[in-house]
Amino acid sequence: MARAKNKVASRKRRKKILKEAKGYRGGRKLYRAAREAVEKGWQYAYRDRRTRKREFRRLWIIRINAAVHEHGLSYSQFMNGLKVLKIEINRKMLSELAINNPEAFEKIVKNVKKKLGK
């Protein structure tokens, strides 16, 4: 009696990996190398979904700090002033304001400076 190999499922599993490895170069078109490369790619993707959040937060803080320094405040003083004034704007929006709408950002900074007595 012939051994059952479940060829349909095996082929489907391999095609899924090879499709995922589309565009990879060299021997990564071969199943084993493709599987290893794809699995490593998934690991990087999982890790970097978390890293991306950290990197964007750092970028927003750098931008806010640069914009606030132009008005004679430090980032920490500015953020403290926002808390005191109970202004709840997240860092992403503050960064966007500083870049795209400097007049509105300047008004916020003036309110903070007034509250802090600077």
N, C-alpha and C. Protein backbone atom coordinates (compact mmCIF):
# COMPACT_ATOMS: atom_id res chain seq x y z
N MET A 1 0.84 -1.18 0.00
CA MET A 1 0.00 0.00 0.00
C MET A 1 0.89 1.25 0.00
N ALA A 2 0.54 2.22 -0.79
CA ALA A 2 1.35 3.43 -0.92
C ALA A 2 1.18 4.31 0.31
N ARG A 3 2.27 5.01 0.63
CA ARG A 3 2.26 5.91 1.79
C ARG A 3 1.54 7.20 1.42
N ALA A 4 0.67 7.67 2.31
CA ALA A 4 -0.05 8.93 2.06
C ALA A 4 0.87 10.09 2.43
N LYS A 5 1.06 11.01 1.50
CA LYS A 5 2.01 12.10 1.74
C LYS A 5 1.32 13.44 1.91
N ASN A 6 0.03 13.52 1.64
CA ASN A 6 -0.74 14.77 1.75
C ASN A 6 -0.10 15.87 0.91
N LYS A 7 0.04 15.56 -0.35
CA LYS A 7 0.74 16.44 -1.27
C LYS A 7 0.08 17.81 -1.39
N VAL A 8 -1.24 17.86 -1.34
CA VAL A 8 -1.95 19.12 -1.52
C VAL A 8 -1.57 20.12 -0.43
N ALA A 9 -1.59 19.68 0.81
CA ALA A 9 -1.27 20.58 1.93
C ALA A 9 0.19 21.00 1.90
N SER A 10 1.08 20.06 1.57
CA SER A 10 2.52 20.37 1.51
C SER A 10 2.79 21.43 0.46
N ARG A 11 2.19 21.23 -0.73
CA ARG A 11 2.40 22.18 -1.82
C ARG A 11 1.85 23.55 -1.45
N LYS A 12 0.69 23.58 -0.81
CA LYS A 12 0.08 24.85 -0.41
C LYS A 12 0.97 25.60 0.59
N ARG A 13 1.51 24.85 1.55
CA ARG A 13 2.38 25.44 2.57
C ARG A 13 3.65 26.02 1.92
N ARG A 14 4.24 25.26 0.99
CA ARG A 14 5.46 25.73 0.33
C ARG A 14 5.19 26.93 -0.56
N LYS A 15 4.07 26.90 -1.28
CA LYS A 15 3.73 28.02 -2.17
C LYS A 15 3.51 29.29 -1.36
N LYS A 16 2.94 29.14 -0.17
CA LYS A 16 2.69 30.31 0.68
C LYS A 16 4.02 30.97 1.07
N ILE A 17 5.00 30.16 1.45
CA ILE A 17 6.32 30.70 1.83
C ILE A 17 7.01 31.31 0.62
N LEU A 18 6.98 30.63 -0.52
CA LEU A 18 7.65 31.14 -1.71
C LEU A 18 6.99 32.44 -2.20
N LYS A 19 5.69 32.53 -2.04
CA LYS A 19 5.01 33.78 -2.41
C LYS A 19 5.46 34.91 -1.48
N GLU A 20 5.61 34.59 -0.21
CA GLU A 20 6.06 35.59 0.78
C GLU A 20 7.48 36.05 0.48
N ALA A 21 8.30 35.16 -0.11
CA ALA A 21 9.70 35.47 -0.42
C ALA A 21 9.86 36.10 -1.79
N LYS A 22 8.77 36.47 -2.41
CA LYS A 22 8.84 37.05 -3.75
C LYS A 22 9.69 38.32 -3.72
N GLY A 23 10.60 38.43 -4.66
CA GLY A 23 11.47 39.60 -4.71
C GLY A 23 12.80 39.40 -3.99
N TYR A 24 12.92 38.32 -3.21
CA TYR A 24 14.20 38.03 -2.57
C TYR A 24 15.18 37.57 -3.63
N ARG A 25 16.47 37.75 -3.38
CA ARG A 25 17.48 37.47 -4.39
C ARG A 25 18.21 36.16 -4.11
N GLY A 26 18.86 35.66 -5.12
CA GLY A 26 19.74 34.51 -4.99
C GLY A 26 19.00 33.22 -4.68
N GLY A 27 19.60 32.42 -3.81
CA GLY A 27 19.06 31.12 -3.46
C GLY A 27 17.81 31.19 -2.63
N ARG A 28 17.37 32.36 -2.32
CA ARG A 28 16.17 32.49 -1.49
C ARG A 28 14.90 32.20 -2.28
N LYS A 29 15.07 31.82 -3.53
CA LYS A 29 13.92 31.34 -4.30
C LYS A 29 13.72 29.84 -4.05
N LEU A 30 14.71 29.20 -3.42
CA LEU A 30 14.62 27.80 -3.06
C LEU A 30 13.90 27.71 -1.72
N TYR A 31 13.11 26.65 -1.54
CA TYR A 31 12.19 26.60 -0.41
C TYR A 31 12.88 26.79 0.94
N ARG A 32 13.93 26.04 1.19
CA ARG A 32 14.53 26.06 2.53
C ARG A 32 15.10 27.44 2.86
N ALA A 33 15.86 28.00 1.93
CA ALA A 33 16.43 29.32 2.15
C ALA A 33 15.34 30.37 2.23
N ALA A 34 14.30 30.21 1.42
CA ALA A 34 13.18 31.16 1.44
C ALA A 34 12.48 31.12 2.79
N ARG A 35 12.26 29.94 3.30
CA ARG A 35 11.58 29.79 4.60
C ARG A 35 12.38 30.48 5.71
N GLU A 36 13.68 30.25 5.71
CA GLU A 36 14.54 30.87 6.73
C GLU A 36 14.50 32.39 6.62
N ALA A 37 14.59 32.89 5.39
CA ALA A 37 14.59 34.34 5.17
C ALA A 37 13.25 34.95 5.57
N VAL A 38 12.16 34.29 5.22
CA VAL A 38 10.82 34.80 5.53
C VAL A 38 10.60 34.81 7.04
N GLU A 39 10.99 33.73 7.71
CA GLU A 39 10.81 33.68 9.16
C GLU A 39 11.63 34.76 9.86
N LYS A 40 12.84 34.99 9.37
CA LYS A 40 13.68 36.06 9.93
C LYS A 40 13.02 37.42 9.68
N GLY A 41 12.47 37.58 8.50
CA GLY A 41 11.76 38.81 8.17
C GLY A 41 10.59 39.05 9.10
N TRP A 42 9.86 37.99 9.42
CA TRP A 42 8.73 38.12 10.35
C TRP A 42 9.21 38.53 11.74
N GLN A 43 10.37 38.00 12.15
CA GLN A 43 10.92 38.39 13.45
C GLN A 43 11.26 39.88 13.47
N TYR A 44 11.92 40.35 12.40
CA TYR A 44 12.25 41.76 12.32
C TYR A 44 10.99 42.63 12.31
N ALA A 45 9.98 42.19 11.58
CA ALA A 45 8.74 42.96 11.49
C ALA A 45 8.07 43.07 12.86
N TYR A 46 8.04 41.96 13.60
CA TYR A 46 7.44 41.95 14.94
C TYR A 46 8.19 42.91 15.86
N ARG A 47 9.52 42.81 15.84
CA ARG A 47 10.35 43.66 16.70
C ARG A 47 10.19 45.13 16.33
N ASP A 48 10.23 45.40 15.04
CA ASP A 48 10.27 46.79 14.60
C ASP A 48 8.92 47.49 14.66
N ARG A 49 7.83 46.73 14.78
CA ARG A 49 6.54 47.39 15.00
C ARG A 49 6.56 48.11 16.34
N ARG A 50 7.29 47.57 17.30
CA ARG A 50 7.42 48.22 18.60
C ARG A 50 8.46 49.34 18.55
N THR A 51 9.56 49.08 17.85
CA THR A 51 10.64 50.07 17.75
C THR A 51 10.15 51.34 17.05
N ARG A 52 9.30 51.19 16.03
CA ARG A 52 8.81 52.34 15.27
C ARG A 52 8.12 53.34 16.20
N LYS A 53 7.36 52.85 17.16
CA LYS A 53 6.65 53.73 18.09
C LYS A 53 7.65 54.57 18.89
N ARG A 54 8.74 53.93 19.36
CA ARG A 54 9.77 54.64 20.12
C ARG A 54 10.46 55.70 19.26
N GLU A 55 10.78 55.32 18.03
CA GLU A 55 11.52 56.23 17.16
C GLU A 55 10.69 57.45 16.80
N PHE A 56 9.40 57.26 16.54
CA PHE A 56 8.57 58.40 16.22
C PHE A 56 8.41 59.32 17.42
N ARG A 57 8.26 58.76 18.62
CA ARG A 57 8.16 59.60 19.81
C ARG A 57 9.42 60.43 19.98
N ARG A 58 10.59 59.81 19.76
CA ARG A 58 11.86 60.56 19.85
C ARG A 58 11.90 61.69 18.85
N LEU A 59 11.46 61.42 17.62
CA LEU A 59 11.45 62.43 16.57
C LEU A 59 10.57 63.61 16.97
N TRP A 60 9.36 63.32 17.49
CA TRP A 60 8.44 64.39 17.88
C TRP A 60 9.04 65.24 18.98
N ILE A 61 9.68 64.59 19.94
CA ILE A 61 10.29 65.32 21.06
C ILE A 61 11.41 66.23 20.55
N ILE A 62 12.22 65.73 19.64
CA ILE A 62 13.32 66.54 19.07
C ILE A 62 12.76 67.76 18.35
N ARG A 63 11.69 67.56 17.57
CA ARG A 63 11.09 68.67 16.84
C ARG A 63 10.49 69.71 17.78
N ILE A 64 9.78 69.24 18.80
CA ILE A 64 9.17 70.17 19.76
C ILE A 64 10.26 70.94 20.49
N ASN A 65 11.30 70.25 20.90
CA ASN A 65 12.41 70.88 21.61
C ASN A 65 13.04 71.99 20.76
N ALA A 66 13.27 71.69 19.48
CA ALA A 66 13.86 72.69 18.58
C ALA A 66 12.95 73.90 18.43
N ALA A 67 11.66 73.66 18.28
CA ALA A 67 10.70 74.76 18.10
C ALA A 67 10.57 75.60 19.36
N VAL A 68 10.62 74.96 20.51
CA VAL A 68 10.45 75.67 21.79
C VAL A 68 11.71 76.47 22.13
N HIS A 69 12.87 75.94 21.75
CA HIS A 69 14.12 76.66 22.00
C HIS A 69 14.15 78.01 21.28
N GLU A 70 13.49 78.09 20.14
CA GLU A 70 13.42 79.36 19.41
C GLU A 70 12.69 80.43 20.22
N HIS A 71 11.85 79.99 21.15
CA HIS A 71 11.08 80.92 21.98
C HIS A 71 11.65 81.04 23.40
N GLY A 72 12.82 80.47 23.62
CA GLY A 72 13.51 80.65 24.90
C GLY A 72 13.06 79.72 26.02
N LEU A 73 12.52 78.57 25.69
CA LEU A 73 12.15 77.58 26.69
C LEU A 73 12.83 76.26 26.38
N SER A 74 12.91 75.41 27.38
CA SER A 74 13.39 74.05 27.12
C SER A 74 12.17 73.14 26.97
N TYR A 75 12.41 71.96 26.46
CA TYR A 75 11.32 71.00 26.25
C TYR A 75 10.63 70.66 27.56
N SER A 76 11.42 70.39 28.60
CA SER A 76 10.84 69.97 29.87
C SER A 76 10.01 71.09 30.50
N GLN A 77 10.50 72.33 30.41
CA GLN A 77 9.73 73.46 30.94
C GLN A 77 8.41 73.61 30.18
N PHE A 78 8.49 73.46 28.87
CA PHE A 78 7.30 73.59 28.02
C PHE A 78 6.27 72.52 28.37
N MET A 79 6.70 71.28 28.48
CA MET A 79 5.77 70.19 28.79
C MET A 79 5.17 70.36 30.18
N ASN A 80 5.98 70.85 31.12
CA ASN A 80 5.47 71.12 32.46
C ASN A 80 4.41 72.23 32.40
N GLY A 81 4.68 73.26 31.62
CA GLY A 81 3.73 74.35 31.47
C GLY A 81 2.42 73.88 30.87
N LEU A 82 2.49 72.97 29.90
CA LEU A 82 1.26 72.42 29.31
C LEU A 82 0.44 71.66 30.36
N LYS A 83 1.15 70.92 31.22
CA LYS A 83 0.45 70.17 32.28
C LYS A 83 -0.23 71.13 33.25
N VAL A 84 0.50 72.20 33.62
CA VAL A 84 -0.05 73.19 34.56
C VAL A 84 -1.29 73.85 33.96
N LEU A 85 -1.23 74.17 32.67
CA LEU A 85 -2.36 74.80 31.99
C LEU A 85 -3.48 73.81 31.64
N LYS A 86 -3.21 72.53 31.89
CA LYS A 86 -4.15 71.46 31.55
C LYS A 86 -4.47 71.42 30.05
N ILE A 87 -3.44 71.67 29.24
CA ILE A 87 -3.57 71.55 27.79
C ILE A 87 -3.14 70.14 27.42
N GLU A 88 -4.07 69.36 26.90
CA GLU A 88 -3.77 67.97 26.58
C GLU A 88 -3.66 67.79 25.07
N ILE A 89 -2.48 68.10 24.55
CA ILE A 89 -2.18 67.87 23.13
C ILE A 89 -1.03 66.88 23.09
N ASN A 90 -1.18 65.84 22.30
CA ASN A 90 -0.10 64.84 22.27
C ASN A 90 1.11 65.36 21.50
N ARG A 91 2.22 64.68 21.65
CA ARG A 91 3.48 65.14 21.07
C ARG A 91 3.43 65.15 19.55
N LYS A 92 2.72 64.21 18.97
CA LYS A 92 2.62 64.17 17.51
C LYS A 92 1.96 65.44 16.99
N MET A 93 0.87 65.85 17.61
CA MET A 93 0.15 67.04 17.16
C MET A 93 0.96 68.31 17.44
N LEU A 94 1.66 68.35 18.58
CA LEU A 94 2.52 69.50 18.87
C LEU A 94 3.60 69.63 17.81
N SER A 95 4.18 68.51 17.43
CA SER A 95 5.22 68.51 16.41
C SER A 95 4.66 69.01 15.08
N GLU A 96 3.49 68.53 14.71
CA GLU A 96 2.85 68.96 13.46
C GLU A 96 2.54 70.46 13.50
N LEU A 97 2.07 70.94 14.65
CA LEU A 97 1.80 72.37 14.80
C LEU A 97 3.08 73.19 14.62
N ALA A 98 4.14 72.74 15.26
CA ALA A 98 5.41 73.46 15.19
C ALA A 98 5.91 73.57 13.75
N ILE A 99 5.69 72.56 12.95
CA ILE A 99 6.18 72.56 11.58
C ILE A 99 5.22 73.29 10.64
N ASN A 100 3.94 72.91 10.70
CA ASN A 100 2.98 73.38 9.70
C ASN A 100 2.22 74.64 10.07
N ASN A 101 2.15 74.94 11.37
CA ASN A 101 1.37 76.10 11.80
C ASN A 101 2.11 76.82 12.94
N PRO A 102 3.24 77.47 12.62
CA PRO A 102 4.06 78.07 13.67
C PRO A 102 3.34 79.16 14.46
N GLU A 103 2.36 79.83 13.86
CA GLU A 103 1.64 80.90 14.58
C GLU A 103 0.84 80.31 15.74
N ALA A 104 0.14 79.22 15.48
CA ALA A 104 -0.65 78.57 16.54
C ALA A 104 0.28 78.02 17.62
N PHE A 105 1.41 77.45 17.20
CA PHE A 105 2.37 76.92 18.16
C PHE A 105 2.93 78.05 19.03
N GLU A 106 3.19 79.17 18.41
CA GLU A 106 3.72 80.32 19.15
C GLU A 106 2.73 80.80 20.21
N LYS A 107 1.44 80.79 19.89
CA LYS A 107 0.42 81.17 20.87
C LYS A 107 0.43 80.24 22.08
N ILE A 108 0.57 78.96 21.82
CA ILE A 108 0.64 77.99 22.92
C ILE A 108 1.86 78.27 23.77
N VAL A 109 3.01 78.50 23.12
CA VAL A 109 4.26 78.77 23.86
C VAL A 109 4.11 80.04 24.70
N LYS A 110 3.47 81.09 24.15
CA LYS A 110 3.26 82.34 24.91
C LYS A 110 2.40 82.09 26.13
N ASN A 111 1.34 81.29 25.99
CA ASN A 111 0.50 80.97 27.14
C ASN A 111 1.29 80.25 28.22
N VAL A 112 2.13 79.31 27.78
CA VAL A 112 2.96 78.55 28.73
C VAL A 112 3.94 79.50 29.44
N LYS A 113 4.59 80.37 28.66
CA LYS A 113 5.56 81.29 29.26
C LYS A 113 4.88 82.22 30.26
N LYS A 114 3.68 82.69 29.93
CA LYS A 114 2.93 83.56 30.82
C LYS A 114 2.62 82.84 32.14
N LYS A 115 2.19 81.58 32.01
CA LYS A 115 1.85 80.79 33.20
C LYS A 115 3.08 80.52 34.06
N LEU A 116 4.21 80.28 33.40
CA LEU A 116 5.44 79.99 34.15
C LEU A 116 6.14 81.26 34.64
N GLY A 117 5.70 82.42 34.16
CA GLY A 117 6.29 83.69 34.57
C GLY A 117 7.64 83.94 33.94
N LYS A 118 7.77 83.63 32.66
CA LYS A 118 9.06 83.83 31.98
C LYS A 118 8.93 84.89 30.92
